[in-house]
Amino acid sequence: MSLTYPESIGVGLLQGVTELFPVSSLGHSILLPALIGGRVDKDLNMTSADSPYLAVLVGLHLATALALVVFFRKDWIRVIRGFFSSIRERRIETVDQRLAWLLIVGTIPVGIAGLVAEKALRSALGKPVPAAIFLALNGLVLLGAERLRRGGGGRRRAGAAAEHAAGEDPAIASDRRIAKLSFRQGTWIGAAQILALFPGISRSGVTMSTGILRGLNHEDAARFSFLLATPVIGAAAVLKLPELMKPEYTGIRGPVIAGSIAAFVAGYISVKFLTKYFENRSMTPFAIYCLVAGIGSAVYLSVTG
């Protein structure tokens, strides 16, 4: 069992970027080692019985979740205050209270599904060719959302631009728009994360797509997606963190720490970039990338495998 520092740092950078970009971190974590081949494919093979790869990904996911917490720290302070005030006052009226409960109802479905099906799906589908196929399907999902989005998205974008021009804090203005979602809509958007259990389907991509189809603009859909992802990624990592404490993983803890630092930095830079990017841009470039990369990888791996 081995893992080099370059491998861990490389996977950390990959995780930090692809977890937040709508292109599937799990899909890329499976595909890239297979495409590179050699020792990298052996060390970073998710289905190999003696590979430390899954344990490494645990630490990297926790680092990415921490990057999201740091970036959205002001929002999480408001959300936590809103949750406790709603309990104390027995009401859900303010923006912070509604946002807190939207995040709760949106997290429950994927939490249950993850506990029940994640291991089985990763064992059955955590191979390069299925991951490539699902990556291409992810591209179709993103394209479909862009084509089918409601006309109200343009009006909401114009409204967001007006609020920015008026000098309102963009974060607070976005939270206020998100809080207008019904709890049923919030549940559907959060439940879309279940599809990300399939390697190649992006968590942020499917939640953004569902949010856009429910009337959110790209900026608000991305913001809600990142807020929803934080407790899911963090909780999954914490639950599996004890694996890294096993004696057989003693030798890879140094590389895991280095990779986690890389994942944190890459994740923070990625979310900062994407929150700005989606103020006036769409998911279409990411959709095209997923289609090309997914189909190309599936053909190449089928021929060479």
C-alpha atoms as a PDB file:
ATOM      1  CA  MET A   1       0.000   0.000   0.000  1.00  0.00           C
ATOM      2  CA  SER A   2       1.589   3.283  -1.098  1.00  0.00           C
ATOM      3  CA  LEU A   3       0.791   6.867  -1.950  1.00  0.00           C
ATOM      4  CA  THR A   4       3.287   9.517  -2.990  1.00  0.00           C
ATOM      5  CA  TYR A   5       3.138  13.193  -2.096  1.00  0.00           C
ATOM      6  CA  PRO A   6       2.771  14.264  -5.762  1.00  0.00           C
ATOM      7  CA  GLU A   7      -0.130  11.838  -6.208  1.00  0.00           C
ATOM      8  CA  SER A   8      -1.903  13.080  -3.082  1.00  0.00           C
ATOM      9  CA  ILE A   9      -1.367  16.760  -3.892  1.00  0.00           C
ATOM     10  CA  GLY A  10      -2.513  16.193  -7.477  1.00  0.00           C
ATOM     11  CA  VAL A  11      -5.683  14.429  -6.324  1.00  0.00           C
ATOM     12  CA  GLY A  12      -6.235  17.182  -3.737  1.00  0.00           C
ATOM     13  CA  LEU A  13      -6.117  19.883  -6.390  1.00  0.00           C
ATOM     14  CA  LEU A  14      -8.409  17.792  -8.589  1.00  0.00           C
ATOM     15  CA  GLN A  15     -10.883  17.254  -5.736  1.00  0.00           C
ATOM     16  CA  GLY A  16     -10.938  20.910  -4.702  1.00  0.00           C
ATOM     17  CA  VAL A  17     -11.775  22.033  -8.229  1.00  0.00           C
ATOM     18  CA  THR A  18     -14.079  19.313  -9.555  1.00  0.00           C
ATOM     19  CA  GLU A  19     -16.174  19.008  -6.382  1.00  0.00           C
ATOM     20  CA  LEU A  20     -17.456  22.549  -6.907  1.00  0.00           C
ATOM     21  CA  PHE A  21     -17.308  22.934 -10.684  1.00  0.00           C
ATOM     22  CA  PRO A  22     -20.324  21.104 -12.207  1.00  0.00           C
ATOM     23  CA  VAL A  23     -18.143  18.334 -13.665  1.00  0.00           C
ATOM     24  CA  SER A  24     -18.118  15.574 -10.966  1.00  0.00           C
ATOM     25  CA  SER A  25     -15.197  15.102  -8.621  1.00  0.00           C
ATOM     26  CA  LEU A  26     -15.837  11.367  -8.184  1.00  0.00           C
ATOM     27  CA  GLY A  27     -15.987  10.828 -11.934  1.00  0.00           C
ATOM     28  CA  HIS A  28     -12.682  12.612 -12.466  1.00  0.00           C
ATOM     29  CA  SER A  29     -11.104  10.841  -9.488  1.00  0.00           C
ATOM     30  CA  ILE A  30     -11.860   7.536 -11.207  1.00  0.00           C
ATOM     31  CA  LEU A  31     -11.158   8.522 -14.810  1.00  0.00           C
ATOM     32  CA  LEU A  32      -7.882  10.438 -14.608  1.00  0.00           C
ATOM     33  CA  PRO A  33      -5.842   7.669 -12.903  1.00  0.00           C
ATOM     34  CA  ALA A  34      -7.170   5.179 -15.459  1.00  0.00           C
ATOM     35  CA  LEU A  35      -6.247   7.495 -18.341  1.00  0.00           C
ATOM     36  CA  ILE A  36      -2.756   8.174 -16.935  1.00  0.00           C
ATOM     37  CA  GLY A  37      -2.106   4.497 -16.217  1.00  0.00           C
ATOM     38  CA  GLY A  38       1.015   2.983 -14.677  1.00  0.00           C
ATOM     39  CA  ARG A  39       1.711   3.422 -10.978  1.00  0.00           C
ATOM     40  CA  VAL A  40      -0.837   6.237 -10.678  1.00  0.00           C
ATOM     41  CA  ASP A  41      -3.617   3.903 -11.820  1.00  0.00           C
ATOM     42  CA  LYS A  42      -2.460   1.241  -9.344  1.00  0.00           C
ATOM     43  CA  ASP A  43      -2.199   3.596  -6.348  1.00  0.00           C
ATOM     44  CA  LEU A  44      -5.393   5.509  -7.157  1.00  0.00           C
ATOM     45  CA  ASN A  45      -7.673   2.628  -8.073  1.00  0.00           C
ATOM     46  CA  MET A  46     -10.903   2.834  -6.111  1.00  0.00           C
ATOM     47  CA  THR A  47     -11.853  -0.799  -6.658  1.00  0.00           C
ATOM     48  CA  SER A  48      -8.472  -2.286  -5.673  1.00  0.00           C
ATOM     49  CA  ALA A  49      -8.626  -4.171  -2.371  1.00  0.00           C
ATOM     50  CA  ASP A  50      -5.290  -2.837  -1.085  1.00  0.00           C
ATOM     51  CA  SER A  51      -5.564   0.730  -2.406  1.00  0.00           C
ATOM     52  CA  PRO A  52      -5.657   3.623   0.109  1.00  0.00           C
ATOM     53  CA  TYR A  53      -7.513   5.780  -2.398  1.00  0.00           C
ATOM     54  CA  LEU A  54     -10.899   5.816  -0.682  1.00  0.00           C
ATOM     55  CA  ALA A  55      -9.311   6.747   2.630  1.00  0.00           C
ATOM     56  CA  VAL A  56      -7.441   9.582   0.920  1.00  0.00           C
ATOM     57  CA  LEU A  57     -10.642  10.928  -0.640  1.00  0.00           C
ATOM     58  CA  VAL A  58     -12.199  11.087   2.837  1.00  0.00           C
ATOM     59  CA  GLY A  59      -9.623  13.589   4.026  1.00  0.00           C
ATOM     60  CA  LEU A  60      -9.845  15.582   0.806  1.00  0.00           C
ATOM     61  CA  HIS A  61     -13.641  15.885   1.018  1.00  0.00           C
ATOM     62  CA  LEU A  62     -13.377  17.188   4.564  1.00  0.00           C
ATOM     63  CA  ALA A  63     -10.881  19.816   3.389  1.00  0.00           C
ATOM     64  CA  THR A  64     -13.251  20.911   0.614  1.00  0.00           C
ATOM     65  CA  ALA A  65     -16.131  21.192   3.084  1.00  0.00           C
ATOM     66  CA  LEU A  66     -13.956  23.351   5.343  1.00  0.00           C
ATOM     67  CA  ALA A  67     -13.175  25.624   2.393  1.00  0.00           C
ATOM     68  CA  LEU A  68     -16.913  26.102   1.832  1.00  0.00           C
ATOM     69  CA  VAL A  69     -17.486  26.830   5.523  1.00  0.00           C
ATOM     70  CA  VAL A  70     -14.733  29.452   5.541  1.00  0.00           C
ATOM     71  CA  PHE A  71     -15.965  31.107   2.337  1.00  0.00           C
ATOM     72  CA  PHE A  72     -19.627  31.174   3.459  1.00  0.00           C
ATOM     73  CA  ARG A  73     -18.870  31.737   7.149  1.00  0.00           C
ATOM     74  CA  LYS A  74     -21.052  34.859   7.412  1.00  0.00           C
ATOM     75  CA  ASP A  75     -23.947  33.031   5.783  1.00  0.00           C
ATOM     76  CA  TRP A  76     -23.570  30.040   8.103  1.00  0.00           C
ATOM     77  CA  ILE A  77     -23.571  32.324  11.141  1.00  0.00           C
ATOM     78  CA  ARG A  78     -26.864  33.823   9.934  1.00  0.00           C
ATOM     79  CA  VAL A  79     -28.282  30.385   9.122  1.00  0.00           C
ATOM     80  CA  ILE A  80     -27.394  28.944  12.541  1.00  0.00           C
ATOM     81  CA  ARG A  81     -28.858  31.973  14.290  1.00  0.00           C
ATOM     82  CA  GLY A  82     -31.977  31.641  12.158  1.00  0.00           C
ATOM     83  CA  PHE A  83     -32.351  27.971  13.055  1.00  0.00           C
ATOM     84  CA  PHE A  84     -32.118  28.535  16.804  1.00  0.00           C
ATOM     85  CA  SER A  85     -34.345  31.600  16.701  1.00  0.00           C
ATOM     86  CA  SER A  86     -37.001  29.614  14.805  1.00  0.00           C
ATOM     87  CA  ILE A  87     -36.865  26.904  17.477  1.00  0.00           C
ATOM     88  CA  ARG A  88     -37.018  29.434  20.283  1.00  0.00           C
ATOM     89  CA  GLU A  89     -39.795  31.522  18.731  1.00  0.00           C
ATOM     90  CA  ARG A  90     -41.617  28.569  17.141  1.00  0.00           C
ATOM     91  CA  ARG A  91     -41.941  30.283  13.802  1.00  0.00           C
ATOM     92  CA  ILE A  92     -40.308  30.337  10.350  1.00  0.00           C
ATOM     93  CA  GLU A  93     -40.687  33.857   9.035  1.00  0.00           C
ATOM     94  CA  THR A  94     -37.387  35.648   8.559  1.00  0.00           C
ATOM     95  CA  VAL A  95     -35.021  35.073   5.630  1.00  0.00           C
ATOM     96  CA  ASP A  96     -32.443  33.382   7.871  1.00  0.00           C
ATOM     97  CA  GLN A  97     -35.059  31.122   9.458  1.00  0.00           C
ATOM     98  CA  ARG A  98     -36.447  30.031   6.096  1.00  0.00           C
ATOM     99  CA  LEU A  99     -32.987  29.475   4.645  1.00  0.00           C
ATOM    100  CA  ALA A 100     -32.002  27.331   7.629  1.00  0.00           C
ATOM    101  CA  TRP A 101     -34.996  25.047   7.188  1.00  0.00           C
ATOM    102  CA  LEU A 102     -34.635  24.950   3.397  1.00  0.00           C
ATOM    103  CA  LEU A 103     -31.128  23.587   3.922  1.00  0.00           C
ATOM    104  CA  ILE A 104     -32.399  21.044   6.444  1.00  0.00           C
ATOM    105  CA  VAL A 105     -35.217  19.681   4.273  1.00  0.00           C
ATOM    106  CA  GLY A 106     -32.892  19.707   1.262  1.00  0.00           C
ATOM    107  CA  THR A 107     -30.251  17.658   3.066  1.00  0.00           C
ATOM    108  CA  ILE A 108     -32.436  14.899   4.540  1.00  0.00           C
ATOM    109  CA  PRO A 109     -33.153  12.938   1.299  1.00  0.00           C
ATOM    110  CA  VAL A 110     -29.514  12.665   0.180  1.00  0.00           C
ATOM    111  CA  GLY A 111     -28.423  11.867   3.729  1.00  0.00           C
ATOM    112  CA  ILE A 112     -30.734   8.858   3.852  1.00  0.00           C
ATOM    113  CA  ALA A 113     -29.862   7.754   0.315  1.00  0.00           C
ATOM    114  CA  GLY A 114     -26.139   8.049   1.015  1.00  0.00           C
ATOM    115  CA  LEU A 115     -26.325   5.838   4.076  1.00  0.00           C
ATOM    116  CA  VAL A 116     -28.366   3.223   2.216  1.00  0.00           C
ATOM    117  CA  ALA A 117     -26.883   3.113  -1.274  1.00  0.00           C
ATOM    118  CA  GLU A 118     -23.521   4.880  -1.544  1.00  0.00           C
ATOM    119  CA  LYS A 119     -21.284   1.856  -0.895  1.00  0.00           C
ATOM    120  CA  ALA A 120     -23.231  -0.378  -3.263  1.00  0.00           C
ATOM    121  CA  LEU A 121     -23.226   2.189  -6.070  1.00  0.00           C
ATOM    122  CA  ARG A 122     -19.509   2.914  -5.742  1.00  0.00           C
ATOM    123  CA  SER A 123     -18.675  -0.796  -5.755  1.00  0.00           C
ATOM    124  CA  ALA A 124     -20.843  -1.489  -8.785  1.00  0.00           C
ATOM    125  CA  LEU A 125     -20.143   1.654 -10.811  1.00  0.00           C
ATOM    126  CA  GLY A 126     -16.821   2.966  -9.478  1.00  0.00           C
ATOM    127  CA  LYS A 127     -15.029   1.882 -12.656  1.00  0.00           C
ATOM    128  CA  PRO A 128     -13.662   4.056 -15.483  1.00  0.00           C
ATOM    129  CA  VAL A 129     -16.079   3.244 -18.330  1.00  0.00           C
ATOM    130  CA  PRO A 130     -19.305   3.659 -16.279  1.00  0.00           C
ATOM    131  CA  ALA A 131     -17.861   6.895 -14.835  1.00  0.00           C
ATOM    132  CA  ALA A 132     -17.174   8.174 -18.361  1.00  0.00           C
ATOM    133  CA  ILE A 133     -20.719   7.346 -19.469  1.00  0.00           C
ATOM    134  CA  PHE A 134     -22.234   9.124 -16.467  1.00  0.00           C
ATOM    135  CA  LEU A 135     -19.948  12.118 -17.063  1.00  0.00           C
ATOM    136  CA  ALA A 136     -21.412  12.423 -20.571  1.00  0.00           C
ATOM    137  CA  LEU A 137     -24.924  12.110 -19.102  1.00  0.00           C
ATOM    138  CA  ASN A 138     -24.006  14.878 -16.665  1.00  0.00           C
ATOM    139  CA  GLY A 139     -23.287  17.087 -19.677  1.00  0.00           C
ATOM    140  CA  LEU A 140     -26.736  16.314 -21.077  1.00  0.00           C
ATOM    141  CA  VAL A 141     -28.326  17.226 -17.731  1.00  0.00           C
ATOM    142  CA  LEU A 142     -26.584  20.613 -17.725  1.00  0.00           C
ATOM    143  CA  LEU A 143     -27.542  21.299 -21.344  1.00  0.00           C
ATOM    144  CA  GLY A 144     -31.124  20.251 -20.687  1.00  0.00           C
ATOM    145  CA  ALA A 145     -31.426  22.601 -17.719  1.00  0.00           C
ATOM    146  CA  GLU A 146     -30.112  25.504 -19.772  1.00  0.00           C
ATOM    147  CA  ARG A 147     -32.588  24.802 -22.563  1.00  0.00           C
ATOM    148  CA  LEU A 148     -35.587  24.232 -20.306  1.00  0.00           C
ATOM    149  CA  ARG A 149     -35.037  26.929 -17.685  1.00  0.00           C
ATOM    150  CA  ARG A 150     -38.018  29.112 -16.972  1.00  0.00           C
ATOM    151  CA  GLY A 151     -38.312  32.537 -18.557  1.00  0.00           C
ATOM    152  CA  GLY A 152     -38.443  34.007 -15.070  1.00  0.00           C
ATOM    153  CA  GLY A 153     -34.717  33.359 -14.771  1.00  0.00           C
ATOM    154  CA  GLY A 154     -34.004  36.387 -16.919  1.00  0.00           C
ATOM    155  CA  ARG A 155     -36.227  38.596 -14.769  1.00  0.00           C
ATOM    156  CA  ARG A 156     -34.559  37.333 -11.591  1.00  0.00           C
ATOM    157  CA  ARG A 157     -31.148  38.040 -13.098  1.00  0.00           C
ATOM    158  CA  ALA A 158     -32.226  41.568 -13.931  1.00  0.00           C
ATOM    159  CA  GLY A 159     -33.552  41.939 -10.391  1.00  0.00           C
ATOM    160  CA  ALA A 160     -30.279  40.707  -8.959  1.00  0.00           C
ATOM    161  CA  ALA A 161     -28.346  43.188 -11.084  1.00  0.00           C
ATOM    162  CA  ALA A 162     -30.587  46.013  -9.848  1.00  0.00           C
ATOM    163  CA  GLU A 163     -29.974  44.988  -6.232  1.00  0.00           C
ATOM    164  CA  HIS A 164     -26.218  44.964  -6.850  1.00  0.00           C
ATOM    165  CA  ALA A 165     -26.432  48.406  -8.399  1.00  0.00           C
ATOM    166  CA  ALA A 166     -28.478  49.668  -5.449  1.00  0.00           C
ATOM    167  CA  GLY A 167     -25.628  48.752  -3.125  1.00  0.00           C
ATOM    168  CA  GLU A 168     -27.313  45.884  -1.242  1.00  0.00           C
ATOM    169  CA  ASP A 169     -24.976  43.195   0.056  1.00  0.00           C
ATOM    170  CA  PRO A 170     -25.067  40.579  -2.769  1.00  0.00           C
ATOM    171  CA  ALA A 171     -24.929  37.691  -0.286  1.00  0.00           C
ATOM    172  CA  ILE A 172     -27.901  38.921   1.726  1.00  0.00           C
ATOM    173  CA  ALA A 173     -29.847  39.759  -1.430  1.00  0.00           C
ATOM    174  CA  SER A 174     -29.204  36.277  -2.813  1.00  0.00           C
ATOM    175  CA  ASP A 175     -30.258  34.617   0.451  1.00  0.00           C
ATOM    176  CA  ARG A 176     -33.461  36.648   0.373  1.00  0.00           C
ATOM    177  CA  ARG A 177     -34.269  35.448  -3.140  1.00  0.00           C
ATOM    178  CA  ILE A 178     -33.450  31.821  -2.260  1.00  0.00           C
ATOM    179  CA  ALA A 179     -35.658  32.037   0.841  1.00  0.00           C
ATOM    180  CA  LYS A 180     -38.662  32.634  -1.443  1.00  0.00           C
ATOM    181  CA  LEU A 181     -38.500  28.988  -2.493  1.00  0.00           C
ATOM    182  CA  SER A 182     -41.187  26.762  -1.033  1.00  0.00           C
ATOM    183  CA  PHE A 183     -40.072  23.912   1.220  1.00  0.00           C
ATOM    184  CA  ARG A 184     -41.245  21.491  -1.449  1.00  0.00           C
ATOM    185  CA  GLN A 185     -38.977  23.181  -3.995  1.00  0.00           C
ATOM    186  CA  GLY A 186     -36.082  23.158  -1.533  1.00  0.00           C
ATOM    187  CA  THR A 187     -36.586  19.444  -0.943  1.00  0.00           C
ATOM    188  CA  TRP A 188     -36.543  18.687  -4.672  1.00  0.00           C
ATOM    189  CA  ILE A 189     -33.384  20.730  -5.218  1.00  0.00           C
ATOM    190  CA  GLY A 190     -31.638  19.037  -2.300  1.00  0.00           C
ATOM    191  CA  ALA A 191     -32.847  15.582  -3.313  1.00  0.00           C
ATOM    192  CA  ALA A 192     -31.192  16.049  -6.702  1.00  0.00           C
ATOM    193  CA  GLN A 193     -27.881  15.458  -4.903  1.00  0.00           C
ATOM    194  CA  ILE A 194     -28.828  11.767  -4.749  1.00  0.00           C
ATOM    195  CA  LEU A 195     -27.884  11.505  -8.432  1.00  0.00           C
ATOM    196  CA  ALA A 196     -24.317  12.458  -7.488  1.00  0.00           C
ATOM    197  CA  LEU A 197     -23.971   9.020  -5.866  1.00  0.00           C
ATOM    198  CA  PHE A 198     -23.460   7.819  -9.453  1.00  0.00           C
ATOM    199  CA  PRO A 199     -19.772   8.407 -10.349  1.00  0.00           C
ATOM    200  CA  GLY A 200     -19.674  11.010 -13.131  1.00  0.00           C
ATOM    201  CA  ILE A 201     -22.786  12.931 -12.065  1.00  0.00           C
ATOM    202  CA  SER A 202     -21.887  16.269 -10.483  1.00  0.00           C
ATOM    203  CA  ARG A 203     -23.432  17.239  -7.150  1.00  0.00           C
ATOM    204  CA  SER A 204     -23.242  20.951  -7.884  1.00  0.00           C
ATOM    205  CA  GLY A 205     -24.349  20.372 -11.473  1.00  0.00           C
ATOM    206  CA  VAL A 206     -27.577  18.523 -10.671  1.00  0.00           C
ATOM    207  CA  THR A 207     -28.530  20.836  -7.792  1.00  0.00           C
ATOM    208  CA  MET A 208     -27.870  23.924  -9.907  1.00  0.00           C
ATOM    209  CA  SER A 209     -29.851  22.413 -12.782  1.00  0.00           C
ATOM    210  CA  THR A 210     -32.798  21.638 -10.520  1.00  0.00           C
ATOM    211  CA  GLY A 211     -32.617  25.097  -8.957  1.00  0.00           C
ATOM    212  CA  ILE A 212     -32.647  26.746 -12.378  1.00  0.00           C
ATOM    213  CA  LEU A 213     -35.641  24.644 -13.428  1.00  0.00           C
ATOM    214  CA  ARG A 214     -37.373  25.795 -10.219  1.00  0.00           C
ATOM    215  CA  GLY A 215     -36.899  29.444 -11.211  1.00  0.00           C
ATOM    216  CA  LEU A 216     -33.608  30.443  -9.615  1.00  0.00           C
ATOM    217  CA  ASN A 217     -31.052  32.372 -11.646  1.00  0.00           C
ATOM    218  CA  HIS A 218     -27.553  30.948 -12.081  1.00  0.00           C
ATOM    219  CA  GLU A 219     -26.066  33.015  -9.266  1.00  0.00           C
ATOM    220  CA  ASP A 220     -28.653  31.953  -6.686  1.00  0.00           C
ATOM    221  CA  ALA A 221     -28.734  28.342  -7.907  1.00  0.00           C
ATOM    222  CA  ALA A 222     -24.951  28.096  -7.496  1.00  0.00           C
ATOM    223  CA  ARG A 223     -25.056  29.696  -4.051  1.00  0.00           C
ATOM    224  CA  PHE A 224     -27.825  27.382  -2.815  1.00  0.00           C
ATOM    225  CA  SER A 225     -25.976  24.397  -4.306  1.00  0.00           C
ATOM    226  CA  PHE A 226     -22.776  25.243  -2.408  1.00  0.00           C
ATOM    227  CA  LEU A 227     -24.650  25.783   0.855  1.00  0.00           C
ATOM    228  CA  LEU A 228     -26.469  22.453   0.423  1.00  0.00           C
ATOM    229  CA  ALA A 229     -23.240  20.631  -0.388  1.00  0.00           C
ATOM    230  CA  THR A 230     -21.410  21.776   2.748  1.00  0.00           C
ATOM    231  CA  PRO A 231     -23.187  19.621   5.382  1.00  0.00           C
ATOM    232  CA  VAL A 232     -23.428  16.628   3.025  1.00  0.00           C
ATOM    233  CA  ILE A 233     -19.745  16.598   2.093  1.00  0.00           C
ATOM    234  CA  GLY A 234     -18.665  17.368   5.646  1.00  0.00           C
ATOM    235  CA  ALA A 235     -20.874  14.755   7.304  1.00  0.00           C
ATOM    236  CA  ALA A 236     -19.873  12.024   4.840  1.00  0.00           C
ATOM    237  CA  ALA A 237     -16.195  12.781   5.434  1.00  0.00           C
ATOM    238  CA  VAL A 238     -16.518  12.859   9.231  1.00  0.00           C
ATOM    239  CA  LEU A 239     -18.367   9.527   9.251  1.00  0.00           C
ATOM    240  CA  LYS A 240     -15.551   7.879   7.295  1.00  0.00           C
ATOM    241  CA  LEU A 241     -12.665   9.719   8.924  1.00  0.00           C
ATOM    242  CA  PRO A 242     -11.991   6.879  11.430  1.00  0.00           C
ATOM    243  CA  GLU A 243     -10.752   4.812   8.465  1.00  0.00           C
ATOM    244  CA  LEU A 244      -7.690   7.052   8.269  1.00  0.00           C
ATOM    245  CA  MET A 245      -6.913   6.206  11.898  1.00  0.00           C
ATOM    246  CA  LYS A 246      -6.439   2.516  11.119  1.00  0.00           C
ATOM    247  CA  PRO A 247      -2.866   1.230  11.634  1.00  0.00           C
ATOM    248  CA  GLU A 248      -2.508   0.233   7.975  1.00  0.00           C
ATOM    249  CA  TYR A 249      -2.923   3.876   6.916  1.00  0.00           C
ATOM    250  CA  THR A 250      -0.132   5.228   9.140  1.00  0.00           C
ATOM    251  CA  GLY A 251       2.279   5.565   6.231  1.00  0.00           C
ATOM    252  CA  ILE A 252      -0.015   7.703   4.078  1.00  0.00           C
ATOM    253  CA  ARG A 253      -1.120  10.269   6.644  1.00  0.00           C
ATOM    254  CA  GLY A 254       1.600  12.721   5.625  1.00  0.00           C
ATOM    255  CA  PRO A 255       0.559  12.682   1.934  1.00  0.00           C
ATOM    256  CA  VAL A 256      -3.116  12.903   2.959  1.00  0.00           C
ATOM    257  CA  ILE A 257      -2.416  16.057   4.993  1.00  0.00           C
ATOM    258  CA  ALA A 258      -0.546  17.582   2.047  1.00  0.00           C
ATOM    259  CA  GLY A 259      -3.367  16.645  -0.324  1.00  0.00           C
ATOM    260  CA  SER A 260      -5.973  18.063   2.058  1.00  0.00           C
ATOM    261  CA  ILE A 261      -4.179  21.405   2.166  1.00  0.00           C
ATOM    262  CA  ALA A 262      -4.149  21.425  -1.638  1.00  0.00           C
ATOM    263  CA  ALA A 263      -7.868  20.543  -1.709  1.00  0.00           C
ATOM    264  CA  PHE A 264      -8.696  23.344   0.740  1.00  0.00           C
ATOM    265  CA  VAL A 265      -6.822  25.974  -1.284  1.00  0.00           C
ATOM    266  CA  ALA A 266      -8.229  24.749  -4.617  1.00  0.00           C
ATOM    267  CA  GLY A 267     -11.746  24.545  -3.175  1.00  0.00           C
ATOM    268  CA  TYR A 268     -11.625  28.072  -1.761  1.00  0.00           C
ATOM    269  CA  ILE A 269     -10.329  29.532  -5.032  1.00  0.00           C
ATOM    270  CA  SER A 270     -12.922  27.555  -7.001  1.00  0.00           C
ATOM    271  CA  VAL A 271     -15.937  28.699  -4.996  1.00  0.00           C
ATOM    272  CA  LYS A 272     -14.705  32.302  -5.109  1.00  0.00           C
ATOM    273  CA  PHE A 273     -14.383  32.072  -8.882  1.00  0.00           C
ATOM    274  CA  LEU A 274     -17.686  30.285  -9.462  1.00  0.00           C
ATOM    275  CA  THR A 275     -19.814  32.610  -7.336  1.00  0.00           C
ATOM    276  CA  LYS A 276     -18.532  35.455  -9.519  1.00  0.00           C
ATOM    277  CA  TYR A 277     -18.731  33.480 -12.757  1.00  0.00           C
ATOM    278  CA  PHE A 278     -22.391  32.551 -12.359  1.00  0.00           C
ATOM    279  CA  GLU A 279     -23.469  36.150 -11.829  1.00  0.00           C
ATOM    280  CA  ASN A 280     -23.796  36.477 -15.606  1.00  0.00           C
ATOM    281  CA  ARG A 281     -22.758  33.188 -17.227  1.00  0.00           C
ATOM    282  CA  SER A 282     -24.294  29.772 -17.819  1.00  0.00           C
ATOM    283  CA  MET A 283     -23.346  26.111 -17.380  1.00  0.00           C
ATOM    284  CA  THR A 284     -23.103  25.479 -21.128  1.00  0.00           C
ATOM    285  CA  PRO A 285     -19.253  25.413 -21.308  1.00  0.00           C
ATOM    286  CA  PHE A 286     -19.157  22.813 -18.532  1.00  0.00           C
ATOM    287  CA  ALA A 287     -21.852  20.782 -20.283  1.00  0.00           C
ATOM    288  CA  ILE A 288     -19.840  20.687 -23.513  1.00  0.00           C
ATOM    289  CA  TYR A 289     -16.698  19.705 -21.616  1.00  0.00           C
ATOM    290  CA  CYS A 290     -18.503  16.824 -19.851  1.00  0.00           C
ATOM    291  CA  LEU A 291     -19.924  15.524 -23.131  1.00  0.00           C
ATOM    292  CA  VAL A 292     -16.574  15.624 -24.926  1.00  0.00           C
ATOM    293  CA  ALA A 293     -14.545  14.271 -21.979  1.00  0.00           C
ATOM    294  CA  GLY A 294     -17.117  11.599 -21.137  1.00  0.00           C
ATOM    295  CA  ILE A 295     -17.622  10.257 -24.661  1.00  0.00           C
ATOM    296  CA  GLY A 296     -13.918  10.521 -25.479  1.00  0.00           C
ATOM    297  CA  SER A 297     -12.881   8.695 -22.310  1.00  0.00           C
ATOM    298  CA  ALA A 298     -15.492   5.957 -22.779  1.00  0.00           C
ATOM    299  CA  VAL A 299     -14.332   5.279 -26.343  1.00  0.00           C
ATOM    300  CA  TYR A 300     -10.617   5.373 -25.440  1.00  0.00           C
ATOM    301  CA  LEU A 301     -10.938   3.166 -22.380  1.00  0.00           C
ATOM    302  CA  SER A 302     -13.173   0.673 -24.201  1.00  0.00           C
ATOM    303  CA  VAL A 303     -10.661   0.348 -27.023  1.00  0.00           C
ATOM    304  CA  THR A 304      -7.531   0.184 -24.856  1.00  0.00           C
ATOM    305  CA  GLY A 305      -9.109  -1.867 -22.062  1.00  0.00           C
END
